[in-house]
Amino acid sequence: MNKRNVNLATSVTVNSTYAGEFAGEYIAAALLSASTIDDGGVTVKANIAFKEVIKKLATTAIVQSASCDFDPQSTITLTERIIQPTELQVNLQLCKYDFVNDWESQSMGFGLGQTLPPKFSDFLIAHVAAEVAQNTELNIWQGDTAGATYTSFDGFEKLIAAAVTAGDVPAAQAITSVALTSANIIDKLSEVVDAIPGALYGKEDLFLYIGTKAAKLYVQALGGFGANGLGANGVANMGTQWWNNGSLTVNGVKIFVSPGLSDNKMYVAQRSNLYFGTGLLNSTNEVKTLDMSDLDGSNNVRMVMRFTSGVQFGIGADIVSYA
């Protein structure tokens, strides 16, 4: 069953003591952006009205000895995967009375002409869009509609695990994970790279996808960890100062850091083999605000967002799973 509501009801608590002029700024806890999408970690398929078929083609024995005859001995197998974005929404409702005795009451107007404080309204719109981006990033990887946490849509971790069970991902490319540490991260990354099929290694859009924890451990290990042959001073003898938020690679494979990926899981795939599907890509950044005073005479303001999201991969044999 699809769980479509990001938030159905809104409880507003204003904990503040008015003391002079408002500084004009709002802050919120740091949120993840949808880095896997924004930084080009997946192929985006937009304008999917309901579902879309991803066709897979496989051939065998296409090269044979020459002869005078046309001899079609090779076989062509067409299979498919379905990407069906899930419908999602955000519904928030705020009462303007909650702000009458707050810092920004002067900017709200009076009587029937009251509006939400403009600075707060702009901030909340941006915050809601950021919350949706964080929800999307986490669901791209950890989503499980039958789970308890990230339930918007099934993510790559669940889909790839099912493919491993079904044998779509070869056993040699399905590595059982252990907890990652700074002592074993280089060895485990190398183990994943060793499992990459020869036909896949070196592809331009090939990435080793790791989470934030693994990235931090790798940076730490390269900063100076004698057991891995780097010496006490690490890369270029720079110790813990060696890295400055640049790109990372391991044994010739580019690393893509996906904040939504689970701590002890890693995957190798081509970007062109991982898909994010949606109706309109910009719908995840558009929040509509509706002042209800002209519609039902209330003093409420509603914020609404509707969008669709879903992921799918193409060829399981071109994926390495450390999970």
C-alpha atoms as a PDB file:
ATOM      1  CA  MET A   1       0.000   0.000   0.000  1.00  0.00           C
ATOM      2  CA  ASN A   2       1.357   3.378  -0.957  1.00  0.00           C
ATOM      3  CA  LYS A   3       1.663   5.843   1.872  1.00  0.00           C
ATOM      4  CA  ARG A   4       1.127   9.171   0.192  1.00  0.00           C
ATOM      5  CA  ASN A   5       1.002  11.806   2.910  1.00  0.00           C
ATOM      6  CA  VAL A   6       4.215  13.478   3.950  1.00  0.00           C
ATOM      7  CA  ASN A   7       2.314  15.496   6.555  1.00  0.00           C
ATOM      8  CA  LEU A   8      -1.456  15.589   7.028  1.00  0.00           C
ATOM      9  CA  ALA A   9      -1.909  17.840  10.026  1.00  0.00           C
ATOM     10  CA  THR A  10      -0.001  20.783  11.421  1.00  0.00           C
ATOM     11  CA  SER A  11       0.523  21.690  15.049  1.00  0.00           C
ATOM     12  CA  VAL A  12       2.018  25.164  15.445  1.00  0.00           C
ATOM     13  CA  THR A  13       3.808  26.107  18.646  1.00  0.00           C
ATOM     14  CA  VAL A  14       5.284  29.594  18.984  1.00  0.00           C
ATOM     15  CA  ASN A  15       7.723  29.656  21.908  1.00  0.00           C
ATOM     16  CA  SER A  16       8.993  33.198  22.099  1.00  0.00           C
ATOM     17  CA  THR A  17       9.169  36.280  24.288  1.00  0.00           C
ATOM     18  CA  TYR A  18       8.718  39.606  22.535  1.00  0.00           C
ATOM     19  CA  ALA A  19      11.675  41.842  23.399  1.00  0.00           C
ATOM     20  CA  GLY A  20      12.265  44.669  20.965  1.00  0.00           C
ATOM     21  CA  GLU A  21      12.618  44.547  17.192  1.00  0.00           C
ATOM     22  CA  PHE A  22      12.747  41.361  15.181  1.00  0.00           C
ATOM     23  CA  ALA A  23      16.182  40.553  13.782  1.00  0.00           C
ATOM     24  CA  GLY A  24      14.626  39.555  10.461  1.00  0.00           C
ATOM     25  CA  GLU A  25      16.032  36.025  10.257  1.00  0.00           C
ATOM     26  CA  TYR A  26      14.706  32.523  10.775  1.00  0.00           C
ATOM     27  CA  ILE A  27      16.862  29.425  11.125  1.00  0.00           C
ATOM     28  CA  ALA A  28      16.141  25.691  10.972  1.00  0.00           C
ATOM     29  CA  ALA A  29      18.050  22.470  11.510  1.00  0.00           C
ATOM     30  CA  ALA A  30      20.368  21.462   8.670  1.00  0.00           C
ATOM     31  CA  LEU A  31      18.748  19.251   6.060  1.00  0.00           C
ATOM     32  CA  LEU A  32      20.033  16.949   3.345  1.00  0.00           C
ATOM     33  CA  SER A  33      19.584  18.067  -0.227  1.00  0.00           C
ATOM     34  CA  ALA A  34      18.630  15.489  -2.822  1.00  0.00           C
ATOM     35  CA  SER A  35      22.318  15.131  -3.704  1.00  0.00           C
ATOM     36  CA  THR A  36      21.866  11.906  -5.654  1.00  0.00           C
ATOM     37  CA  ILE A  37      19.673  13.843  -8.102  1.00  0.00           C
ATOM     38  CA  ASP A  38      21.240  17.309  -7.904  1.00  0.00           C
ATOM     39  CA  ASP A  39      24.809  16.075  -8.412  1.00  0.00           C
ATOM     40  CA  GLY A  40      23.960  13.766 -11.315  1.00  0.00           C
ATOM     41  CA  GLY A  41      24.109  10.390  -9.594  1.00  0.00           C
ATOM     42  CA  VAL A  42      21.060   9.011 -11.416  1.00  0.00           C
ATOM     43  CA  THR A  43      19.349   9.380 -14.766  1.00  0.00           C
ATOM     44  CA  VAL A  44      16.213  11.478 -14.346  1.00  0.00           C
ATOM     45  CA  LYS A  45      13.124  10.411 -16.254  1.00  0.00           C
ATOM     46  CA  ALA A  46      10.611  13.255 -16.077  1.00  0.00           C
ATOM     47  CA  ASN A  47       7.070  13.637 -17.424  1.00  0.00           C
ATOM     48  CA  ILE A  48       5.973  10.151 -16.359  1.00  0.00           C
ATOM     49  CA  ALA A  49       2.190  10.393 -16.133  1.00  0.00           C
ATOM     50  CA  PHE A  50       1.663   6.935 -14.593  1.00  0.00           C
ATOM     51  CA  LYS A  51       4.397   4.382 -15.293  1.00  0.00           C
ATOM     52  CA  GLU A  52       7.188   3.850 -17.806  1.00  0.00           C
ATOM     53  CA  VAL A  53       8.802   0.706 -19.173  1.00  0.00           C
ATOM     54  CA  ILE A  54      12.600   0.384 -19.147  1.00  0.00           C
ATOM     55  CA  LYS A  55      13.516  -2.074 -21.903  1.00  0.00           C
ATOM     56  CA  LYS A  56      16.541  -4.353 -21.505  1.00  0.00           C
ATOM     57  CA  LEU A  57      18.156  -6.096 -24.479  1.00  0.00           C
ATOM     58  CA  ALA A  58      20.525  -9.065 -24.327  1.00  0.00           C
ATOM     59  CA  THR A  59      22.164 -10.890 -27.237  1.00  0.00           C
ATOM     60  CA  THR A  60      24.224 -14.061 -27.548  1.00  0.00           C
ATOM     61  CA  ALA A  61      26.673 -15.361 -30.186  1.00  0.00           C
ATOM     62  CA  ILE A  62      26.439 -12.365 -32.496  1.00  0.00           C
ATOM     63  CA  VAL A  63      29.873 -12.993 -34.057  1.00  0.00           C
ATOM     64  CA  GLN A  64      30.386 -16.146 -36.142  1.00  0.00           C
ATOM     65  CA  SER A  65      32.537 -17.452 -38.954  1.00  0.00           C
ATOM     66  CA  ALA A  66      31.792 -15.922 -42.355  1.00  0.00           C
ATOM     67  CA  SER A  67      29.876 -17.864 -45.019  1.00  0.00           C
ATOM     68  CA  CYS A  68      27.938 -17.215 -48.225  1.00  0.00           C
ATOM     69  CA  ASP A  69      24.609 -17.634 -46.451  1.00  0.00           C
ATOM     70  CA  PHE A  70      22.634 -15.455 -44.061  1.00  0.00           C
ATOM     71  CA  ASP A  71      22.706 -17.521 -40.870  1.00  0.00           C
ATOM     72  CA  PRO A  72      20.973 -15.795 -37.916  1.00  0.00           C
ATOM     73  CA  GLN A  73      22.233 -18.042 -35.105  1.00  0.00           C
ATOM     74  CA  SER A  74      22.323 -15.354 -32.419  1.00  0.00           C
ATOM     75  CA  THR A  75      19.434 -14.756 -30.049  1.00  0.00           C
ATOM     76  CA  ILE A  76      17.899 -11.509 -28.862  1.00  0.00           C
ATOM     77  CA  THR A  77      16.109 -11.353 -25.510  1.00  0.00           C
ATOM     78  CA  LEU A  78      13.989  -8.350 -24.563  1.00  0.00           C
ATOM     79  CA  THR A  79      12.977  -7.918 -20.927  1.00  0.00           C
ATOM     80  CA  GLU A  80      11.702  -4.931 -19.012  1.00  0.00           C
ATOM     81  CA  ARG A  81      11.502  -3.171 -15.693  1.00  0.00           C
ATOM     82  CA  ILE A  82       8.738  -0.801 -14.678  1.00  0.00           C
ATOM     83  CA  ILE A  83       9.255   2.563 -13.008  1.00  0.00           C
ATOM     84  CA  GLN A  84       6.049   3.868 -11.457  1.00  0.00           C
ATOM     85  CA  PRO A  85       6.419   7.084  -9.446  1.00  0.00           C
ATOM     86  CA  THR A  86       4.328   7.304  -6.287  1.00  0.00           C
ATOM     87  CA  GLU A  87       1.979  10.246  -5.741  1.00  0.00           C
ATOM     88  CA  LEU A  88       3.023  12.284  -2.701  1.00  0.00           C
ATOM     89  CA  GLN A  89       1.870  15.473  -1.044  1.00  0.00           C
ATOM     90  CA  VAL A  90       2.610  18.016   1.676  1.00  0.00           C
ATOM     91  CA  ASN A  91      -0.296  19.674   3.516  1.00  0.00           C
ATOM     92  CA  LEU A  92       0.377  22.356   6.124  1.00  0.00           C
ATOM     93  CA  GLN A  93      -2.057  24.749   7.776  1.00  0.00           C
ATOM     94  CA  LEU A  94      -1.130  27.779   9.875  1.00  0.00           C
ATOM     95  CA  CYS A  95      -3.397  30.135  11.801  1.00  0.00           C
ATOM     96  CA  LYS A  96      -2.458  33.793  11.492  1.00  0.00           C
ATOM     97  CA  TYR A  97      -3.480  34.371  15.128  1.00  0.00           C
ATOM     98  CA  ASP A  98      -0.390  32.400  16.187  1.00  0.00           C
ATOM     99  CA  PHE A  99       1.722  35.341  14.987  1.00  0.00           C
ATOM    100  CA  VAL A 100      -0.362  38.317  16.184  1.00  0.00           C
ATOM    101  CA  ASN A 101       1.573  38.647  19.456  1.00  0.00           C
ATOM    102  CA  ASP A 102       4.908  37.658  17.993  1.00  0.00           C
ATOM    103  CA  TRP A 103       7.824  39.733  16.690  1.00  0.00           C
ATOM    104  CA  GLU A 104       6.437  40.218  13.209  1.00  0.00           C
ATOM    105  CA  SER A 105       2.900  41.316  14.088  1.00  0.00           C
ATOM    106  CA  GLN A 106       3.591  44.763  12.596  1.00  0.00           C
ATOM    107  CA  SER A 107       4.114  43.281   9.137  1.00  0.00           C
ATOM    108  CA  MET A 108       0.867  41.305   9.120  1.00  0.00           C
ATOM    109  CA  GLY A 109      -1.633  44.076   8.562  1.00  0.00           C
ATOM    110  CA  PHE A 110      -4.908  44.440  10.474  1.00  0.00           C
ATOM    111  CA  GLY A 111      -8.415  43.008  10.519  1.00  0.00           C
ATOM    112  CA  LEU A 112      -9.468  41.034   7.473  1.00  0.00           C
ATOM    113  CA  GLY A 113      -6.336  42.167   5.671  1.00  0.00           C
ATOM    114  CA  GLN A 114      -3.959  40.171   7.864  1.00  0.00           C
ATOM    115  CA  THR A 115      -1.421  37.951   6.110  1.00  0.00           C
ATOM    116  CA  LEU A 116       1.384  35.672   7.269  1.00  0.00           C
ATOM    117  CA  PRO A 117       4.568  37.620   8.070  1.00  0.00           C
ATOM    118  CA  PRO A 118       6.290  37.864   4.658  1.00  0.00           C
ATOM    119  CA  LYS A 119       9.732  36.887   5.968  1.00  0.00           C
ATOM    120  CA  PHE A 120       8.303  33.853   7.734  1.00  0.00           C
ATOM    121  CA  SER A 121       6.236  32.855   4.716  1.00  0.00           C
ATOM    122  CA  ASP A 122       9.279  32.965   2.411  1.00  0.00           C
ATOM    123  CA  PHE A 123      11.357  31.053   4.950  1.00  0.00           C
ATOM    124  CA  LEU A 124       8.713  28.362   5.439  1.00  0.00           C
ATOM    125  CA  ILE A 125       8.332  27.829   1.690  1.00  0.00           C
ATOM    126  CA  ALA A 126      12.098  27.298   1.354  1.00  0.00           C
ATOM    127  CA  HIS A 127      12.116  25.050   4.423  1.00  0.00           C
ATOM    128  CA  VAL A 128       9.286  22.863   3.105  1.00  0.00           C
ATOM    129  CA  ALA A 129      11.092  22.463  -0.236  1.00  0.00           C
ATOM    130  CA  ALA A 130      14.278  21.469   1.629  1.00  0.00           C
ATOM    131  CA  GLU A 131      12.341  18.953   3.767  1.00  0.00           C
ATOM    132  CA  VAL A 132      10.936  17.360   0.607  1.00  0.00           C
ATOM    133  CA  ALA A 133      14.449  17.179  -0.895  1.00  0.00           C
ATOM    134  CA  GLN A 134      15.706  15.430   2.244  1.00  0.00           C
ATOM    135  CA  ASN A 135      12.786  13.005   2.216  1.00  0.00           C
ATOM    136  CA  THR A 136      13.468  12.260  -1.454  1.00  0.00           C
ATOM    137  CA  GLU A 137      17.200  11.650  -0.932  1.00  0.00           C
ATOM    138  CA  LEU A 138      16.590   9.215   1.912  1.00  0.00           C
ATOM    139  CA  ASN A 139      13.840   7.376   0.039  1.00  0.00           C
ATOM    140  CA  ILE A 140      15.928   7.069  -3.143  1.00  0.00           C
ATOM    141  CA  TRP A 141      18.171   4.678  -1.226  1.00  0.00           C
ATOM    142  CA  GLN A 142      16.437   3.513   1.959  1.00  0.00           C
ATOM    143  CA  GLY A 143      12.793   3.763   0.896  1.00  0.00           C
ATOM    144  CA  ASP A 144      10.552   0.838   1.860  1.00  0.00           C
ATOM    145  CA  THR A 145       6.784   1.187   1.498  1.00  0.00           C
ATOM    146  CA  ALA A 146       6.365  -1.770   3.869  1.00  0.00           C
ATOM    147  CA  GLY A 147       8.769  -0.327   6.447  1.00  0.00           C
ATOM    148  CA  ALA A 148       8.426   2.090   9.316  1.00  0.00           C
ATOM    149  CA  THR A 149      10.719   5.021   8.489  1.00  0.00           C
ATOM    150  CA  TYR A 150      11.187   6.037   4.860  1.00  0.00           C
ATOM    151  CA  THR A 151       7.948   4.854   3.296  1.00  0.00           C
ATOM    152  CA  SER A 152       7.310   7.187   0.348  1.00  0.00           C
ATOM    153  CA  PHE A 153       8.518   4.700  -2.292  1.00  0.00           C
ATOM    154  CA  ASP A 154      10.802   1.652  -2.556  1.00  0.00           C
ATOM    155  CA  GLY A 155      14.452   2.711  -2.856  1.00  0.00           C
ATOM    156  CA  PHE A 156      17.490   1.180  -4.513  1.00  0.00           C
ATOM    157  CA  GLU A 157      18.590  -0.738  -1.411  1.00  0.00           C
ATOM    158  CA  LYS A 158      15.335  -2.706  -1.332  1.00  0.00           C
ATOM    159  CA  LEU A 159      15.133  -3.140  -5.113  1.00  0.00           C
ATOM    160  CA  ILE A 160      18.736  -4.328  -5.453  1.00  0.00           C
ATOM    161  CA  ALA A 161      18.382  -6.688  -2.474  1.00  0.00           C
ATOM    162  CA  ALA A 162      15.412  -8.312  -4.223  1.00  0.00           C
ATOM    163  CA  ALA A 163      17.467  -8.598  -7.426  1.00  0.00           C
ATOM    164  CA  VAL A 164      20.284 -10.312  -5.509  1.00  0.00           C
ATOM    165  CA  THR A 165      17.798 -12.813  -4.062  1.00  0.00           C
ATOM    166  CA  ALA A 166      16.336 -13.452  -7.516  1.00  0.00           C
ATOM    167  CA  GLY A 167      19.789 -13.963  -9.037  1.00  0.00           C
ATOM    168  CA  ASP A 168      19.542 -10.884 -11.290  1.00  0.00           C
ATOM    169  CA  VAL A 169      22.714  -9.627  -9.593  1.00  0.00           C
ATOM    170  CA  PRO A 170      25.345 -12.408  -9.933  1.00  0.00           C
ATOM    171  CA  ALA A 171      26.550 -13.992  -6.694  1.00  0.00           C
ATOM    172  CA  ALA A 172      30.125 -12.847  -7.382  1.00  0.00           C
ATOM    173  CA  GLN A 173      28.893  -9.255  -7.398  1.00  0.00           C
ATOM    174  CA  ALA A 174      26.846  -9.513  -4.188  1.00  0.00           C
ATOM    175  CA  ILE A 175      29.153  -8.990  -1.218  1.00  0.00           C
ATOM    176  CA  THR A 176      27.894  -9.432   2.340  1.00  0.00           C
ATOM    177  CA  SER A 177      28.683  -6.259   4.256  1.00  0.00           C
ATOM    178  CA  VAL A 178      30.320  -5.792   7.631  1.00  0.00           C
ATOM    179  CA  ALA A 179      30.451  -2.634   9.714  1.00  0.00           C
ATOM    180  CA  LEU A 180      32.828  -0.152   8.095  1.00  0.00           C
ATOM    181  CA  THR A 181      35.668   1.396  10.083  1.00  0.00           C
ATOM    182  CA  SER A 182      38.724   3.493   9.296  1.00  0.00           C
ATOM    183  CA  ALA A 183      40.755   0.293   9.701  1.00  0.00           C
ATOM    184  CA  ASN A 184      38.891  -1.698   7.030  1.00  0.00           C
ATOM    185  CA  ILE A 185      37.379   0.904   4.688  1.00  0.00           C
ATOM    186  CA  ILE A 186      40.180   0.802   2.104  1.00  0.00           C
ATOM    187  CA  ASP A 187      40.137  -2.993   2.014  1.00  0.00           C
ATOM    188  CA  LYS A 188      36.347  -3.081   1.647  1.00  0.00           C
ATOM    189  CA  LEU A 189      36.303  -0.458  -1.094  1.00  0.00           C
ATOM    190  CA  SER A 190      38.976  -2.458  -2.922  1.00  0.00           C
ATOM    191  CA  GLU A 191      36.905  -5.635  -2.488  1.00  0.00           C
ATOM    192  CA  VAL A 192      33.933  -3.918  -4.126  1.00  0.00           C
ATOM    193  CA  VAL A 193      36.085  -2.678  -7.012  1.00  0.00           C
ATOM    194  CA  ASP A 194      37.523  -6.181  -7.488  1.00  0.00           C
ATOM    195  CA  ALA A 195      33.958  -7.490  -7.999  1.00  0.00           C
ATOM    196  CA  ILE A 196      33.252  -5.095 -10.892  1.00  0.00           C
ATOM    197  CA  PRO A 197      32.865  -7.051 -14.171  1.00  0.00           C
ATOM    198  CA  GLY A 198      35.636  -6.392 -16.693  1.00  0.00           C
ATOM    199  CA  ALA A 199      33.149  -5.085 -19.275  1.00  0.00           C
ATOM    200  CA  LEU A 200      31.911  -2.499 -16.758  1.00  0.00           C
ATOM    201  CA  TYR A 201      35.220  -1.285 -15.335  1.00  0.00           C
ATOM    202  CA  GLY A 202      36.363   1.973 -16.924  1.00  0.00           C
ATOM    203  CA  LYS A 203      32.950   3.108 -18.149  1.00  0.00           C
ATOM    204  CA  GLU A 204      32.700   6.906 -18.130  1.00  0.00           C
ATOM    205  CA  ASP A 205      29.536   7.037 -16.011  1.00  0.00           C
ATOM    206  CA  LEU A 206      30.532   4.289 -13.568  1.00  0.00           C
ATOM    207  CA  PHE A 207      30.414   5.251  -9.891  1.00  0.00           C
ATOM    208  CA  LEU A 208      30.951   3.593  -6.555  1.00  0.00           C
ATOM    209  CA  TYR A 209      28.078   4.922  -4.435  1.00  0.00           C
ATOM    210  CA  ILE A 210      28.815   5.279  -0.720  1.00  0.00           C
ATOM    211  CA  GLY A 211      27.127   7.011   2.193  1.00  0.00           C
ATOM    212  CA  THR A 212      28.414   9.887   4.311  1.00  0.00           C
ATOM    213  CA  LYS A 213      29.817   7.566   6.995  1.00  0.00           C
ATOM    214  CA  ALA A 214      31.911   5.610   4.491  1.00  0.00           C
ATOM    215  CA  ALA A 215      33.163   8.834   2.898  1.00  0.00           C
ATOM    216  CA  LYS A 216      34.323  10.191   6.257  1.00  0.00           C
ATOM    217  CA  LEU A 217      36.063   6.926   7.099  1.00  0.00           C
ATOM    218  CA  TYR A 218      37.829   6.892   3.716  1.00  0.00           C
ATOM    219  CA  VAL A 219      39.028  10.478   4.122  1.00  0.00           C
ATOM    220  CA  GLN A 220      40.205   9.647   7.627  1.00  0.00           C
ATOM    221  CA  ALA A 221      42.063   6.530   6.490  1.00  0.00           C
ATOM    222  CA  LEU A 222      43.790   8.378   3.633  1.00  0.00           C
ATOM    223  CA  GLY A 223      44.822  11.081   6.072  1.00  0.00           C
ATOM    224  CA  GLY A 224      47.207   8.720   7.791  1.00  0.00           C
ATOM    225  CA  PHE A 225      46.693   5.079   8.560  1.00  0.00           C
ATOM    226  CA  GLY A 226      49.857   3.003   8.610  1.00  0.00           C
ATOM    227  CA  ALA A 227      48.136  -0.383   8.216  1.00  0.00           C
ATOM    228  CA  ASN A 228      47.177   0.545   4.662  1.00  0.00           C
ATOM    229  CA  GLY A 229      50.678   1.498   3.609  1.00  0.00           C
ATOM    230  CA  LEU A 230      50.069   5.250   3.577  1.00  0.00           C
ATOM    231  CA  GLY A 231      52.366   6.064   6.457  1.00  0.00           C
ATOM    232  CA  ALA A 232      51.535   8.212   9.446  1.00  0.00           C
ATOM    233  CA  ASN A 233      51.209  11.369   7.343  1.00  0.00           C
ATOM    234  CA  GLY A 234      48.796  10.006   4.766  1.00  0.00           C
ATOM    235  CA  VAL A 235      48.313  11.324   1.224  1.00  0.00           C
ATOM    236  CA  ALA A 236      51.156  13.611   0.069  1.00  0.00           C
ATOM    237  CA  ASN A 237      52.395  13.720   3.677  1.00  0.00           C
ATOM    238  CA  MET A 238      49.593  16.180   4.502  1.00  0.00           C
ATOM    239  CA  GLY A 239      47.981  14.174   7.293  1.00  0.00           C
ATOM    240  CA  THR A 240      44.409  15.137   8.138  1.00  0.00           C
ATOM    241  CA  GLN A 241      44.746  18.320   6.047  1.00  0.00           C
ATOM    242  CA  TRP A 242      44.955  16.481   2.730  1.00  0.00           C
ATOM    243  CA  TRP A 243      41.295  16.666   1.681  1.00  0.00           C
ATOM    244  CA  ASN A 244      39.428  19.846   0.775  1.00  0.00           C
ATOM    245  CA  ASN A 245      35.999  18.602  -0.342  1.00  0.00           C
ATOM    246  CA  GLY A 246      37.236  17.528  -3.735  1.00  0.00           C
ATOM    247  CA  SER A 247      36.420  14.382  -5.675  1.00  0.00           C
ATOM    248  CA  LEU A 248      37.296  10.929  -4.375  1.00  0.00           C
ATOM    249  CA  THR A 249      38.354   7.821  -6.283  1.00  0.00           C
ATOM    250  CA  VAL A 250      39.429   4.315  -5.371  1.00  0.00           C
ATOM    251  CA  ASN A 251      41.511   2.100  -7.663  1.00  0.00           C
ATOM    252  CA  GLY A 252      40.469   4.071 -10.724  1.00  0.00           C
ATOM    253  CA  VAL A 253      36.729   4.189  -9.923  1.00  0.00           C
ATOM    254  CA  LYS A 254      34.971   7.476  -9.171  1.00  0.00           C
ATOM    255  CA  ILE A 255      33.220   7.701  -5.810  1.00  0.00           C
ATOM    256  CA  PHE A 256      29.770   9.279  -5.530  1.00  0.00           C
ATOM    257  CA  VAL A 257      28.796  10.282  -1.990  1.00  0.00           C
ATOM    258  CA  SER A 258      25.046   9.876  -1.467  1.00  0.00           C
ATOM    259  CA  PRO A 259      23.937  11.188   1.957  1.00  0.00           C
ATOM    260  CA  GLY A 260      20.767   9.085   1.836  1.00  0.00           C
ATOM    261  CA  LEU A 261      22.611   5.759   1.538  1.00  0.00           C
ATOM    262  CA  SER A 262      22.787   3.529   4.628  1.00  0.00           C
ATOM    263  CA  ASP A 263      25.996   3.555   6.666  1.00  0.00           C
ATOM    264  CA  ASN A 264      27.370   0.112   5.837  1.00  0.00           C
ATOM    265  CA  LYS A 265      26.153  -0.341   2.262  1.00  0.00           C
ATOM    266  CA  MET A 266      27.877   0.445  -1.045  1.00  0.00           C
ATOM    267  CA  TYR A 267      26.942  -0.076  -4.673  1.00  0.00           C
ATOM    268  CA  VAL A 268      28.703   0.131  -8.024  1.00  0.00           C
ATOM    269  CA  ALA A 269      26.598   1.049 -11.045  1.00  0.00           C
ATOM    270  CA  GLN A 270      26.517   3.226 -14.102  1.00  0.00           C
ATOM    271  CA  ARG A 271      24.525   6.421 -13.753  1.00  0.00           C
ATOM    272  CA  SER A 272      22.709   5.387 -16.937  1.00  0.00           C
ATOM    273  CA  ASN A 273      21.551   2.207 -15.145  1.00  0.00           C
ATOM    274  CA  LEU A 274      19.889   4.014 -12.214  1.00  0.00           C
ATOM    275  CA  TYR A 275      16.678   5.955 -12.777  1.00  0.00           C
ATOM    276  CA  PHE A 276      14.684   8.506 -10.823  1.00  0.00           C
ATOM    277  CA  GLY A 277      11.200   8.994 -12.201  1.00  0.00           C
ATOM    278  CA  THR A 278       8.827  11.887 -11.610  1.00  0.00           C
ATOM    279  CA  GLY A 279       6.019  13.771 -13.261  1.00  0.00           C
ATOM    280  CA  LEU A 280       7.479  17.272 -13.340  1.00  0.00           C
ATOM    281  CA  LEU A 281      10.938  17.647 -11.819  1.00  0.00           C
ATOM    282  CA  ASN A 282      10.300  21.208 -10.621  1.00  0.00           C
ATOM    283  CA  SER A 283       7.134  20.148  -8.759  1.00  0.00           C
ATOM    284  CA  THR A 284       9.342  19.140  -5.797  1.00  0.00           C
ATOM    285  CA  ASN A 285      10.428  22.778  -5.509  1.00  0.00           C
ATOM    286  CA  GLU A 286       7.024  24.460  -5.866  1.00  0.00           C
ATOM    287  CA  VAL A 287       4.923  25.178  -2.781  1.00  0.00           C
ATOM    288  CA  LYS A 288       1.564  26.907  -3.122  1.00  0.00           C
ATOM    289  CA  THR A 289       0.297  29.123  -0.328  1.00  0.00           C
ATOM    290  CA  LEU A 290      -3.454  29.632  -0.057  1.00  0.00           C
ATOM    291  CA  ASP A 291      -4.935  32.320   2.167  1.00  0.00           C
ATOM    292  CA  MET A 292      -8.267  30.825   3.205  1.00  0.00           C
ATOM    293  CA  SER A 293      -9.852  34.070   4.447  1.00  0.00           C
ATOM    294  CA  ASP A 294     -11.388  34.797   1.033  1.00  0.00           C
ATOM    295  CA  LEU A 295     -12.488  31.182   0.561  1.00  0.00           C
ATOM    296  CA  ASP A 296     -14.050  30.084   3.861  1.00  0.00           C
ATOM    297  CA  GLY A 297     -13.769  33.174   6.077  1.00  0.00           C
ATOM    298  CA  SER A 298     -11.181  31.526   8.347  1.00  0.00           C
ATOM    299  CA  ASN A 299      -7.894  33.012   9.504  1.00  0.00           C
ATOM    300  CA  ASN A 300      -5.861  30.096   8.172  1.00  0.00           C
ATOM    301  CA  VAL A 301      -3.133  29.857   5.570  1.00  0.00           C
ATOM    302  CA  ARG A 302      -2.522  26.535   3.826  1.00  0.00           C
ATOM    303  CA  MET A 303       0.627  25.339   2.134  1.00  0.00           C
ATOM    304  CA  VAL A 304       0.286  22.606  -0.479  1.00  0.00           C
ATOM    305  CA  MET A 305       2.728  20.580  -2.560  1.00  0.00           C
ATOM    306  CA  ARG A 306       1.916  17.621  -4.817  1.00  0.00           C
ATOM    307  CA  PHE A 307       4.503  15.612  -6.700  1.00  0.00           C
ATOM    308  CA  THR A 308       5.486  12.083  -7.771  1.00  0.00           C
ATOM    309  CA  SER A 309       8.726  10.182  -7.136  1.00  0.00           C
ATOM    310  CA  GLY A 310      10.114   6.698  -7.730  1.00  0.00           C
ATOM    311  CA  VAL A 311      13.326   4.850  -8.631  1.00  0.00           C
ATOM    312  CA  GLN A 312      14.299   1.783 -10.633  1.00  0.00           C
ATOM    313  CA  PHE A 313      17.445   0.211 -12.055  1.00  0.00           C
ATOM    314  CA  GLY A 314      17.889  -1.351 -15.467  1.00  0.00           C
ATOM    315  CA  ILE A 315      20.344  -4.287 -15.602  1.00  0.00           C
ATOM    316  CA  GLY A 316      21.097  -6.175 -12.404  1.00  0.00           C
ATOM    317  CA  ALA A 317      24.163  -7.878 -13.885  1.00  0.00           C
ATOM    318  CA  ASP A 318      25.797  -4.453 -14.162  1.00  0.00           C
ATOM    319  CA  ILE A 319      25.518  -3.740 -10.430  1.00  0.00           C
ATOM    320  CA  VAL A 320      27.853  -4.651  -7.580  1.00  0.00           C
ATOM    321  CA  SER A 321      26.204  -4.763  -4.172  1.00  0.00           C
ATOM    322  CA  TYR A 322      27.914  -4.480  -0.805  1.00  0.00           C
ATOM    323  CA  ALA A 323      24.904  -4.845   1.467  1.00  0.00           C
END
